[in-house]
Amino acid sequence: MSSPATTVSADERRSYWDDLRELLKCPRELWLTYLAIIFEYIGLYSFMSVLSLWLTSDFRFDDDRASGWFGVFSALLSLFAFMVGSIADVVGTRRTLIFSFGAAMLTRAVMSVSSSAVIALPALIAYAFALASGSPVLQTAVHKYSSKRTVAIAFSFFYIALNVGGVLSGQLIDRTKAFFVDPATRHLVMRTIELPLVGATPMSAYRAIIGLGTVTAMFAFVATLFVRSDAALERAGVASRPEAPAEGGVKKSPLAVLGEVVRDRAFWRFMLLIAFLVLVKAIFVHMHATWPKFITRERGEDFDWGGLWALNSVLILFFVPVTTAFTRHLPAFKVIVIGAFVTAASPFIFALGSSTAIQVTAIVVLTIGEALWSPRSYEYNVSIAPPGREATYVSLAVLPYFLAKFFVAMTAGRLLTAYCPPTGPRHPGMMWVIIGLTTLVGPVGILALRNVINPRREAEAAAGSTSAA
């Protein structure tokens, strides 16, 4: 029998390329999931980046009202994700994703052609449900169709797929905006677009960007249709992890699954970690709800900020494989803490000004931290969940965002009104300092309560002392 030391040594000798070769042996369902992720997140990232601008430009919402609806959408997204997670564990990955992408196609189409807030806002709420029913399940699908040996690299590729979507969404935003810019005034103007089934439709730049998300959702929908059911995978002799094993061979109800999870003490330690990570992730809410208005007001409507923010996704494509290769033998918790501190430094750089050099520097720092903590947090989320309860854990992990996202979005509106209004004197540096201080509370809290959140660390230390004695 091999000793623990021998086992660890053998694992450490395994190279990144060995893991990559094993990943290539995973079933086609994993690669179809990656394809669906790319298309879905092109539409999602572009939508989130223009949501507040769309509400202000097309419906004349002020900063507070636009940010309020951004917060409502984000909070409902978290609430709906909490509600559907246990259902997804019972209904299954494939059927849940088919529903999600189909509903996303419909709701995005309605928002893109609507010139009335009375129609657009209910469609926005419906889109939150469509998105919430799919996003947590995409993580579950990556875990389901990868193996124990390849799960770390599979989630690094999951994050790469997200950011391929981010890169392409930046191009989509800038190229679409360019079509709507009036060269004489450098302002965005309305254009008439011929749409299938609808005909000639007056369209703003932001509605057109949302409308193109309908097309990307359609491609994700088609990719998911080629994912085989569990029964088909079993007939083909392809191994996958179980959806939701139940005692006696009978699947439990979503409420029974939820009850099992919330009675687990490890789950509440996990939720404490998530609560602090919410403060770190808040910077990304500000990058969608605050930063586009900040940079548009400071640099003008014709400034190509979509490509600038897409730098985050471009760099992630490089940084994630590199950081995964160098940190894959380190505990996920330790990597999460280090990365969270790096990300928390970025708002203080934004406070230095609105020049392109400062924006690039801040985005690079933010991205280095993100490449460290974010992929490992996805892995951590599903690795501590009991088998068959991954979707429930992932869905419950977004529950703190129900309040946090709403609060952050509402704060964004007030910060913009106070420090970066459309007209009049501005003091955006103070706005970013305030954002930075609230973000920094996250990693400081995780570090201070590390023995509560991750008691395994204490157990390992005790075991090491015993061995040394």
Protein backbone atom coordinates (compact mmCIF):
# COMPACT_ATOMS: atom_id res chain seq x y z
CA MET A 1 0.00 0.00 0.00
CA SER A 2 1.35 3.41 -0.93
CA SER A 3 1.97 5.90 1.81
CA PRO A 4 0.30 9.33 1.68
CA ALA A 5 3.66 10.92 0.98
CA THR A 6 4.18 8.63 -2.01
CA THR A 7 0.73 9.43 -3.38
CA VAL A 8 1.27 13.18 -3.15
CA SER A 9 4.66 12.86 -4.80
CA ALA A 10 3.16 10.93 -7.71
CA ASP A 11 0.45 13.57 -8.16
CA GLU A 12 3.03 16.35 -8.16
CA ARG A 13 5.05 14.60 -10.87
CA ARG A 14 2.02 14.61 -13.14
CA SER A 15 2.47 17.48 -15.59
CA TYR A 16 -0.06 20.02 -16.85
CA TRP A 17 0.19 18.40 -20.28
CA ASP A 18 -0.67 14.99 -18.81
CA ASP A 19 -3.84 16.50 -17.37
CA LEU A 20 -4.60 18.19 -20.68
CA ARG A 21 -4.30 14.88 -22.53
CA GLU A 22 -6.72 13.34 -20.04
CA LEU A 23 -9.12 16.24 -20.58
CA LEU A 24 -9.15 15.55 -24.32
CA LYS A 25 -10.46 12.06 -23.51
CA CYS A 26 -13.57 13.46 -21.80
CA PRO A 27 -16.88 12.98 -23.64
CA ARG A 28 -18.04 15.39 -26.32
CA GLU A 29 -20.61 16.75 -23.87
CA LEU A 30 -17.86 18.64 -22.05
CA TRP A 31 -16.77 20.38 -25.26
CA LEU A 32 -20.36 21.14 -26.26
CA THR A 33 -20.77 22.71 -22.82
CA TYR A 34 -17.74 24.91 -23.45
CA LEU A 35 -19.21 25.92 -26.84
CA ALA A 36 -22.56 26.80 -25.25
CA ILE A 37 -20.74 28.82 -22.57
CA ILE A 38 -18.90 30.89 -25.19
CA PHE A 39 -22.05 31.80 -27.10
CA GLU A 40 -24.16 32.43 -24.01
CA TYR A 41 -21.57 34.68 -22.41
CA ILE A 42 -21.06 36.76 -25.53
CA GLY A 43 -24.69 37.77 -25.12
CA LEU A 44 -24.59 37.97 -21.33
CA TYR A 45 -21.44 40.08 -20.99
CA SER A 46 -22.55 42.51 -23.68
CA PHE A 47 -26.00 42.75 -22.05
CA MET A 48 -24.66 43.42 -18.56
CA SER A 49 -22.25 46.08 -19.87
CA VAL A 50 -24.99 48.08 -21.61
CA LEU A 51 -27.95 47.41 -19.28
CA SER A 52 -27.66 50.62 -17.28
CA LEU A 53 -26.78 52.65 -20.38
CA TRP A 54 -29.78 51.16 -22.25
CA LEU A 55 -32.19 52.16 -19.50
CA THR A 56 -30.78 55.71 -19.39
CA SER A 57 -30.50 56.20 -23.14
CA ASP A 58 -33.71 54.53 -24.38
CA PHE A 59 -36.08 55.17 -21.47
CA ARG A 60 -34.54 58.32 -19.94
CA PHE A 61 -33.96 56.72 -16.52
CA ASP A 62 -31.66 58.78 -14.27
CA ASP A 63 -28.61 57.14 -12.63
CA ASP A 64 -30.47 56.15 -9.47
CA ARG A 65 -33.40 54.59 -11.33
CA ALA A 66 -31.23 52.84 -13.94
CA SER A 67 -28.91 51.45 -11.25
CA GLY A 68 -31.96 50.44 -9.22
CA TRP A 69 -33.24 48.31 -12.08
CA PHE A 70 -29.73 46.93 -12.59
CA GLY A 71 -29.88 45.93 -8.92
CA VAL A 72 -33.37 44.43 -9.27
CA PHE A 73 -32.20 42.35 -12.23
CA SER A 74 -29.05 41.19 -10.42
CA ALA A 75 -30.93 40.39 -7.19
CA LEU A 76 -33.64 38.46 -9.05
CA LEU A 77 -30.92 36.59 -10.92
CA SER A 78 -29.51 35.39 -7.60
CA LEU A 79 -32.94 34.64 -6.13
CA PHE A 80 -34.03 32.63 -9.17
CA ALA A 81 -30.70 30.75 -9.23
CA PHE A 82 -31.31 29.80 -5.59
CA MET A 83 -34.79 28.56 -6.50
CA VAL A 84 -33.87 26.49 -9.56
CA GLY A 85 -30.69 24.79 -8.32
CA SER A 86 -32.40 21.93 -6.53
CA ILE A 87 -34.84 21.55 -9.42
CA ALA A 88 -31.91 21.20 -11.84
CA ASP A 89 -30.44 18.39 -9.71
CA VAL A 90 -33.71 16.50 -10.22
CA VAL A 91 -34.74 17.53 -13.76
CA GLY A 92 -31.27 17.07 -15.21
CA THR A 93 -28.53 19.13 -16.81
CA ARG A 94 -29.55 18.83 -20.47
CA ARG A 95 -33.21 19.71 -20.12
CA THR A 96 -32.49 22.64 -17.82
CA LEU A 97 -30.00 24.16 -20.27
CA ILE A 98 -32.33 23.71 -23.25
CA PHE A 99 -35.05 25.60 -21.38
CA SER A 100 -32.64 28.32 -20.28
CA PHE A 101 -31.22 29.11 -23.71
CA GLY A 102 -34.64 28.94 -25.38
CA ALA A 103 -36.10 31.39 -22.86
CA ALA A 104 -33.05 33.68 -23.23
CA MET A 105 -33.64 33.86 -27.00
CA LEU A 106 -37.24 34.96 -26.51
CA THR A 107 -36.68 37.52 -23.76
CA ARG A 108 -33.68 39.16 -25.40
CA ALA A 109 -35.64 39.48 -28.64
CA VAL A 110 -38.52 41.22 -26.83
CA MET A 111 -36.17 43.68 -25.11
CA SER A 112 -34.37 44.52 -28.34
CA VAL A 113 -37.52 45.51 -30.28
CA SER A 114 -39.39 47.22 -27.44
CA SER A 115 -39.46 51.02 -27.28
CA SER A 116 -41.67 50.97 -24.17
CA ALA A 117 -40.47 50.35 -20.62
CA VAL A 118 -43.86 48.77 -19.90
CA ILE A 119 -42.89 45.87 -22.17
CA ALA A 120 -39.10 45.92 -21.75
CA LEU A 121 -39.01 45.72 -17.95
CA PRO A 122 -41.19 42.56 -17.63
CA ALA A 123 -39.00 40.99 -20.33
CA LEU A 124 -35.95 41.98 -18.26
CA ILE A 125 -37.39 40.15 -15.23
CA ALA A 126 -38.20 37.09 -17.36
CA TYR A 127 -34.66 37.12 -18.75
CA ALA A 128 -33.32 37.01 -15.19
CA PHE A 129 -35.16 33.72 -14.69
CA ALA A 130 -33.94 32.34 -18.02
CA LEU A 131 -30.35 33.21 -17.19
CA ALA A 132 -30.57 31.95 -13.59
CA SER A 133 -31.86 28.57 -14.72
CA GLY A 134 -28.77 28.00 -16.86
CA SER A 135 -25.69 29.65 -15.37
CA PRO A 136 -25.25 27.43 -12.26
CA VAL A 137 -26.00 24.33 -14.33
CA LEU A 138 -23.17 25.12 -16.76
CA GLN A 139 -20.76 24.75 -13.83
CA THR A 140 -22.44 21.50 -12.88
CA ALA A 141 -22.11 20.26 -16.47
CA VAL A 142 -18.34 20.87 -16.45
CA HIS A 143 -18.04 18.90 -13.21
CA LYS A 144 -20.36 16.16 -14.49
CA TYR A 145 -18.57 15.53 -17.79
CA SER A 146 -14.99 15.80 -16.46
CA SER A 147 -13.18 13.22 -14.35
CA LYS A 148 -11.72 13.45 -10.85
CA ARG A 149 -8.24 13.75 -12.31
CA THR A 150 -9.17 16.50 -14.80
CA VAL A 151 -11.58 18.59 -12.70
CA ALA A 152 -9.06 21.38 -11.94
CA ILE A 153 -8.01 21.84 -15.57
CA ALA A 154 -11.63 21.40 -16.72
CA PHE A 155 -12.66 24.38 -14.60
CA SER A 156 -9.74 26.43 -15.88
CA PHE A 157 -11.06 25.75 -19.40
CA PHE A 158 -14.54 26.65 -18.16
CA TYR A 159 -13.17 30.02 -17.16
CA ILE A 160 -11.32 30.36 -20.45
CA ALA A 161 -14.61 29.71 -22.30
CA LEU A 162 -16.31 32.44 -20.23
CA ASN A 163 -13.63 34.87 -21.23
CA VAL A 164 -13.61 33.95 -24.90
CA GLY A 165 -17.19 35.12 -24.69
CA GLY A 166 -15.96 38.26 -22.92
CA VAL A 167 -13.41 39.03 -25.65
CA LEU A 168 -16.03 38.65 -28.39
CA SER A 169 -18.60 40.67 -26.44
CA GLY A 170 -16.22 43.63 -26.34
CA GLN A 171 -15.87 43.50 -30.11
CA LEU A 172 -19.65 43.18 -30.47
CA ILE A 173 -20.22 46.30 -28.33
CA ASP A 174 -17.66 48.51 -30.08
CA ARG A 175 -18.51 47.44 -33.64
CA THR A 176 -22.24 47.86 -33.03
CA LYS A 177 -21.77 51.27 -31.38
CA ALA A 178 -19.61 52.43 -34.31
CA PHE A 179 -22.56 51.89 -36.67
CA PHE A 180 -24.71 54.24 -34.55
CA VAL A 181 -22.17 57.07 -34.02
CA ASP A 182 -22.90 60.34 -35.84
CA PRO A 183 -19.48 61.45 -37.22
CA ALA A 184 -20.45 65.12 -36.96
CA THR A 185 -21.44 65.12 -33.29
CA ARG A 186 -19.63 61.97 -32.07
CA HIS A 187 -22.88 61.04 -30.31
CA LEU A 188 -24.97 57.88 -30.68
CA VAL A 189 -28.10 58.23 -32.85
CA MET A 190 -31.08 56.04 -33.78
CA ARG A 191 -30.96 53.94 -36.97
CA THR A 192 -33.70 52.04 -38.81
CA ILE A 193 -32.92 48.32 -39.08
CA GLU A 194 -34.73 45.69 -41.18
CA LEU A 195 -35.50 42.77 -38.85
CA PRO A 196 -36.88 39.33 -39.79
CA LEU A 197 -40.64 39.04 -39.10
CA VAL A 198 -40.75 42.60 -37.74
CA GLY A 199 -39.61 44.72 -40.69
CA ALA A 200 -38.21 48.25 -40.46
CA THR A 201 -37.58 49.02 -36.78
CA PRO A 202 -36.05 52.16 -35.21
CA MET A 203 -33.12 50.86 -33.18
CA SER A 204 -30.66 52.35 -30.73
CA ALA A 205 -27.11 51.07 -30.34
CA TYR A 206 -27.88 49.45 -27.00
CA ARG A 207 -31.04 47.73 -28.21
CA ALA A 208 -29.09 46.39 -31.20
CA ILE A 209 -26.43 44.96 -28.86
CA ILE A 210 -29.14 43.22 -26.82
CA GLY A 211 -30.73 41.94 -30.05
CA LEU A 212 -27.48 40.33 -31.20
CA GLY A 213 -27.58 38.41 -27.92
CA THR A 214 -30.66 36.64 -29.28
CA VAL A 215 -28.47 35.15 -32.00
CA THR A 216 -25.78 34.00 -29.57
CA ALA A 217 -28.42 32.37 -27.35
CA MET A 218 -29.71 30.50 -30.39
CA PHE A 219 -26.24 29.04 -31.06
CA ALA A 220 -25.97 27.96 -27.39
CA PHE A 221 -29.42 26.37 -27.67
CA VAL A 222 -28.39 24.39 -30.77
CA ALA A 223 -25.14 23.21 -29.12
CA THR A 224 -27.10 21.90 -26.12
CA LEU A 225 -29.41 19.88 -28.37
CA PHE A 226 -26.40 17.71 -29.27
CA VAL A 227 -25.71 16.85 -25.61
CA ARG A 228 -26.76 13.27 -24.97
CA SER A 229 -29.05 12.28 -22.14
CA ASP A 230 -27.71 10.21 -19.24
CA ALA A 231 -29.45 7.14 -20.64
CA ALA A 232 -27.82 7.64 -24.05
CA LEU A 233 -24.41 8.13 -22.43
CA GLU A 234 -24.86 4.93 -20.47
CA ARG A 235 -25.83 3.00 -23.61
CA ALA A 236 -22.74 4.36 -25.36
CA GLY A 237 -20.55 3.26 -22.45
CA VAL A 238 -19.52 6.83 -21.62
CA ALA A 239 -18.91 7.54 -17.94
CA SER A 240 -20.31 10.68 -16.32
CA ARG A 241 -20.91 11.68 -12.76
CA PRO A 242 -24.41 11.00 -11.41
CA GLU A 243 -27.06 13.75 -11.44
CA ALA A 244 -28.56 13.07 -8.03
CA PRO A 245 -28.18 9.63 -6.49
CA ALA A 246 -30.90 8.86 -4.00
CA GLU A 247 -31.48 6.26 -1.36
CA GLY A 248 -33.35 3.23 -2.64
CA GLY A 249 -32.77 4.30 -6.25
CA VAL A 250 -35.52 6.93 -6.09
CA LYS A 251 -34.70 10.56 -6.76
CA LYS A 252 -35.59 12.89 -3.93
CA SER A 253 -37.72 15.98 -4.33
CA PRO A 254 -36.00 19.39 -4.72
CA LEU A 255 -37.13 20.38 -1.20
CA ALA A 256 -35.65 17.18 0.27
CA VAL A 257 -32.35 17.87 -1.53
CA LEU A 258 -32.34 21.43 -0.26
CA GLY A 259 -33.06 20.29 3.31
CA GLU A 260 -30.13 17.87 3.28
CA VAL A 261 -27.74 20.57 2.13
CA VAL A 262 -28.72 23.29 4.62
CA ARG A 263 -28.37 20.84 7.54
CA ASP A 264 -24.72 20.25 6.62
CA ARG A 265 -22.37 22.29 8.87
CA ALA A 266 -19.74 22.39 6.12
CA PHE A 267 -22.25 24.21 3.94
CA TRP A 268 -22.48 27.13 6.38
CA ARG A 269 -18.70 27.47 6.52
CA PHE A 270 -18.81 27.53 2.75
CA MET A 271 -21.48 30.27 2.84
CA LEU A 272 -19.28 32.39 5.12
CA LEU A 273 -16.53 32.26 2.50
CA ILE A 274 -19.05 33.18 -0.19
CA ALA A 275 -20.29 36.14 1.87
CA PHE A 276 -16.79 37.63 1.92
CA LEU A 277 -16.18 36.82 -1.75
CA VAL A 278 -19.34 38.79 -2.54
CA LEU A 279 -17.44 41.93 -1.53
CA VAL A 280 -14.61 41.02 -3.90
CA LYS A 281 -16.96 40.16 -6.74
CA ALA A 282 -18.71 43.50 -6.20
CA ILE A 283 -15.98 45.11 -8.29
CA PHE A 284 -17.38 43.25 -11.31
CA VAL A 285 -20.85 44.65 -10.63
CA HIS A 286 -19.27 48.10 -10.64
CA MET A 287 -17.43 47.30 -13.87
CA HIS A 288 -20.84 46.74 -15.50
CA ALA A 289 -23.03 49.23 -13.60
CA THR A 290 -20.56 52.05 -12.79
CA TRP A 291 -17.49 51.93 -15.01
CA PRO A 292 -19.23 52.21 -18.46
CA LYS A 293 -21.00 55.42 -17.40
CA PHE A 294 -17.87 56.73 -15.71
CA ILE A 295 -15.68 56.22 -18.77
CA THR A 296 -18.37 57.39 -21.22
CA ARG A 297 -18.85 60.64 -19.30
CA GLU A 298 -15.12 61.21 -18.90
CA ARG A 299 -14.06 60.22 -22.45
CA GLY A 300 -17.18 60.68 -24.66
CA GLU A 301 -19.85 58.43 -26.24
CA ASP A 302 -17.60 57.45 -29.15
CA PHE A 303 -14.87 56.07 -26.87
CA ASP A 304 -14.37 52.32 -27.49
CA TRP A 305 -14.66 51.13 -23.91
CA GLY A 306 -15.96 47.70 -24.94
CA GLY A 307 -12.59 46.68 -26.30
CA LEU A 308 -10.84 48.16 -23.29
CA TRP A 309 -12.87 46.07 -20.83
CA ALA A 310 -12.45 43.06 -23.15
CA LEU A 311 -8.75 43.30 -22.23
CA ASN A 312 -9.81 41.60 -19.00
CA SER A 313 -11.01 38.59 -20.96
CA VAL A 314 -8.01 38.59 -23.31
CA LEU A 315 -5.60 38.50 -20.39
CA ILE A 316 -7.63 35.83 -18.60
CA LEU A 317 -7.07 33.53 -21.59
CA PHE A 318 -3.33 33.78 -20.87
CA PHE A 319 -3.29 34.13 -17.09
CA VAL A 320 -5.68 31.28 -16.19
CA PRO A 321 -3.64 28.44 -17.78
CA VAL A 322 -0.44 29.93 -16.35
CA THR A 323 -1.79 30.38 -12.82
CA THR A 324 -3.45 26.97 -12.95
CA ALA A 325 -0.15 25.35 -13.94
CA PHE A 326 1.75 27.06 -11.13
CA THR A 327 -0.88 26.79 -8.38
CA ARG A 328 -2.67 23.50 -9.14
CA HIS A 329 -0.86 21.74 -6.26
CA LEU A 330 -1.69 24.52 -3.78
CA PRO A 331 -4.90 24.35 -1.74
CA ALA A 332 -7.77 26.14 -3.48
CA PHE A 333 -8.49 28.16 -0.32
CA LYS A 334 -4.98 29.64 -0.19
CA VAL A 335 -5.07 30.65 -3.86
CA ILE A 336 -8.50 32.26 -3.38
CA VAL A 337 -7.21 34.45 -0.53
CA ILE A 338 -4.13 35.65 -2.44
CA GLY A 339 -6.12 36.41 -5.58
CA ALA A 340 -8.81 38.28 -3.64
CA PHE A 341 -6.23 40.70 -2.19
CA VAL A 342 -4.82 41.41 -5.66
CA THR A 343 -8.27 42.08 -7.13
CA ALA A 344 -9.14 44.39 -4.21
CA ALA A 345 -6.23 46.67 -5.16
CA SER A 346 -7.66 47.56 -8.59
CA PRO A 347 -10.29 50.20 -7.58
CA PHE A 348 -7.56 52.30 -5.98
CA ILE A 349 -5.79 52.43 -9.36
CA PHE A 350 -9.01 53.54 -11.09
CA ALA A 351 -9.08 56.40 -8.57
CA LEU A 352 -5.94 57.88 -10.17
CA GLY A 353 -7.76 59.11 -13.30
CA SER A 354 -9.54 58.28 -16.56
CA SER A 355 -6.57 58.04 -18.94
CA THR A 356 -6.25 54.91 -21.04
CA ALA A 357 -2.96 53.99 -19.33
CA ILE A 358 -4.61 54.05 -15.88
CA GLN A 359 -7.61 52.04 -17.09
CA VAL A 360 -5.32 49.40 -18.62
CA THR A 361 -3.18 49.16 -15.47
CA ALA A 362 -6.22 48.76 -13.20
CA ILE A 363 -7.78 46.15 -15.48
CA VAL A 364 -4.49 44.19 -15.61
CA VAL A 365 -4.23 44.13 -11.78
CA LEU A 366 -7.90 43.17 -11.45
CA THR A 367 -7.38 40.38 -13.98
CA ILE A 368 -4.30 38.89 -12.29
CA GLY A 369 -6.25 38.58 -9.06
CA GLU A 370 -9.29 37.20 -10.85
CA ALA A 371 -7.18 34.56 -12.62
CA LEU A 372 -5.99 33.36 -9.23
CA TRP A 373 -9.18 33.26 -7.15
CA SER A 374 -12.10 32.91 -9.51
CA PRO A 375 -11.39 29.57 -11.27
CA ARG A 376 -10.39 28.00 -7.97
CA SER A 377 -13.60 29.24 -6.35
CA TYR A 378 -15.64 27.42 -9.02
CA GLU A 379 -13.64 24.27 -8.30
CA TYR A 380 -14.02 24.79 -4.53
CA ASN A 381 -17.80 25.24 -4.87
CA VAL A 382 -18.40 21.85 -6.45
CA SER A 383 -15.55 19.92 -4.81
CA ILE A 384 -16.95 20.31 -1.28
CA ALA A 385 -20.50 19.40 -2.34
CA PRO A 386 -21.78 15.84 -1.75
CA PRO A 387 -22.14 13.81 -4.98
CA GLY A 388 -25.32 14.72 -6.83
CA ARG A 389 -25.78 17.96 -4.88
CA GLU A 390 -23.43 20.15 -6.94
CA ALA A 391 -26.15 22.26 -8.59
CA THR A 392 -27.77 22.89 -5.21
CA TYR A 393 -24.46 24.05 -3.70
CA VAL A 394 -23.65 26.25 -6.69
CA SER A 395 -27.12 27.77 -6.64
CA LEU A 396 -27.08 28.40 -2.89
CA ALA A 397 -23.64 29.96 -3.32
CA VAL A 398 -25.23 32.84 -5.23
CA LEU A 399 -27.83 33.49 -2.50
CA PRO A 400 -25.73 36.21 -0.79
CA TYR A 401 -25.83 38.11 -4.09
CA PHE A 402 -29.59 38.45 -3.72
CA LEU A 403 -29.02 41.35 -1.32
CA ALA A 404 -25.42 42.26 -2.16
CA LYS A 405 -25.92 42.86 -5.89
CA PHE A 406 -28.96 45.01 -5.26
CA PHE A 407 -27.08 47.03 -2.64
CA VAL A 408 -24.01 47.44 -4.86
CA ALA A 409 -26.09 48.51 -7.87
CA MET A 410 -28.06 51.03 -5.79
CA THR A 411 -24.76 52.32 -4.41
CA ALA A 412 -23.46 52.66 -7.98
CA GLY A 413 -26.30 55.02 -8.87
CA ARG A 414 -25.75 57.18 -5.82
CA LEU A 415 -21.97 57.24 -6.32
CA LEU A 416 -22.40 58.29 -9.96
CA THR A 417 -24.88 61.00 -9.00
CA ALA A 418 -22.59 62.32 -6.25
CA TYR A 419 -19.16 62.02 -7.86
CA CYS A 420 -19.60 61.51 -11.64
CA PRO A 421 -22.86 63.12 -12.83
CA PRO A 422 -23.67 63.64 -16.54
CA THR A 423 -23.03 67.39 -16.18
CA GLY A 424 -21.35 69.62 -13.62
CA PRO A 425 -18.24 69.12 -11.46
CA ARG A 426 -17.00 65.56 -11.01
CA HIS A 427 -14.78 63.84 -8.46
CA PRO A 428 -14.60 60.24 -9.72
CA GLY A 429 -11.42 59.48 -7.75
CA MET A 430 -13.33 59.59 -4.46
CA MET A 431 -15.95 57.27 -5.94
CA TRP A 432 -13.32 54.63 -6.70
CA VAL A 433 -11.67 54.98 -3.28
CA ILE A 434 -15.02 54.22 -1.63
CA ILE A 435 -15.49 51.20 -3.92
CA GLY A 436 -11.94 50.04 -3.12
CA LEU A 437 -12.42 50.18 0.65
CA THR A 438 -15.62 48.11 0.51
CA THR A 439 -13.92 45.56 -1.77
CA LEU A 440 -10.93 45.21 0.57
CA VAL A 441 -13.18 44.08 3.44
CA GLY A 442 -13.64 40.76 1.59
CA PRO A 443 -10.10 39.34 1.60
CA VAL A 444 -9.37 40.83 5.04
CA GLY A 445 -12.43 39.02 6.44
CA ILE A 446 -11.48 35.71 4.81
CA LEU A 447 -7.96 35.94 6.22
CA ALA A 448 -9.18 36.88 9.70
CA LEU A 449 -11.66 33.97 9.86
CA ARG A 450 -9.62 31.44 7.89
CA ASN A 451 -9.67 28.84 10.70
CA VAL A 452 -13.47 29.02 10.86
CA ILE A 453 -14.02 28.92 7.09
CA ASN A 454 -11.41 26.27 6.37
CA PRO A 455 -10.97 24.08 9.51
CA ARG A 456 -9.23 21.44 7.39
CA ARG A 457 -6.18 23.68 7.60
CA GLU A 458 -6.03 23.22 11.39
CA ALA A 459 -6.54 19.46 11.08
CA GLU A 460 -3.70 19.21 8.56
CA ALA A 461 -1.42 21.23 10.83
CA ALA A 462 -2.23 18.99 13.79
CA ALA A 463 -1.58 15.89 11.71
CA GLY A 464 1.75 17.32 10.61
CA SER A 465 2.77 17.96 14.24
CA THR A 466 1.83 14.42 15.19
CA SER A 467 3.86 12.98 12.34
CA ALA A 468 6.85 15.10 13.29
CA ALA A 469 6.65 13.89 16.88
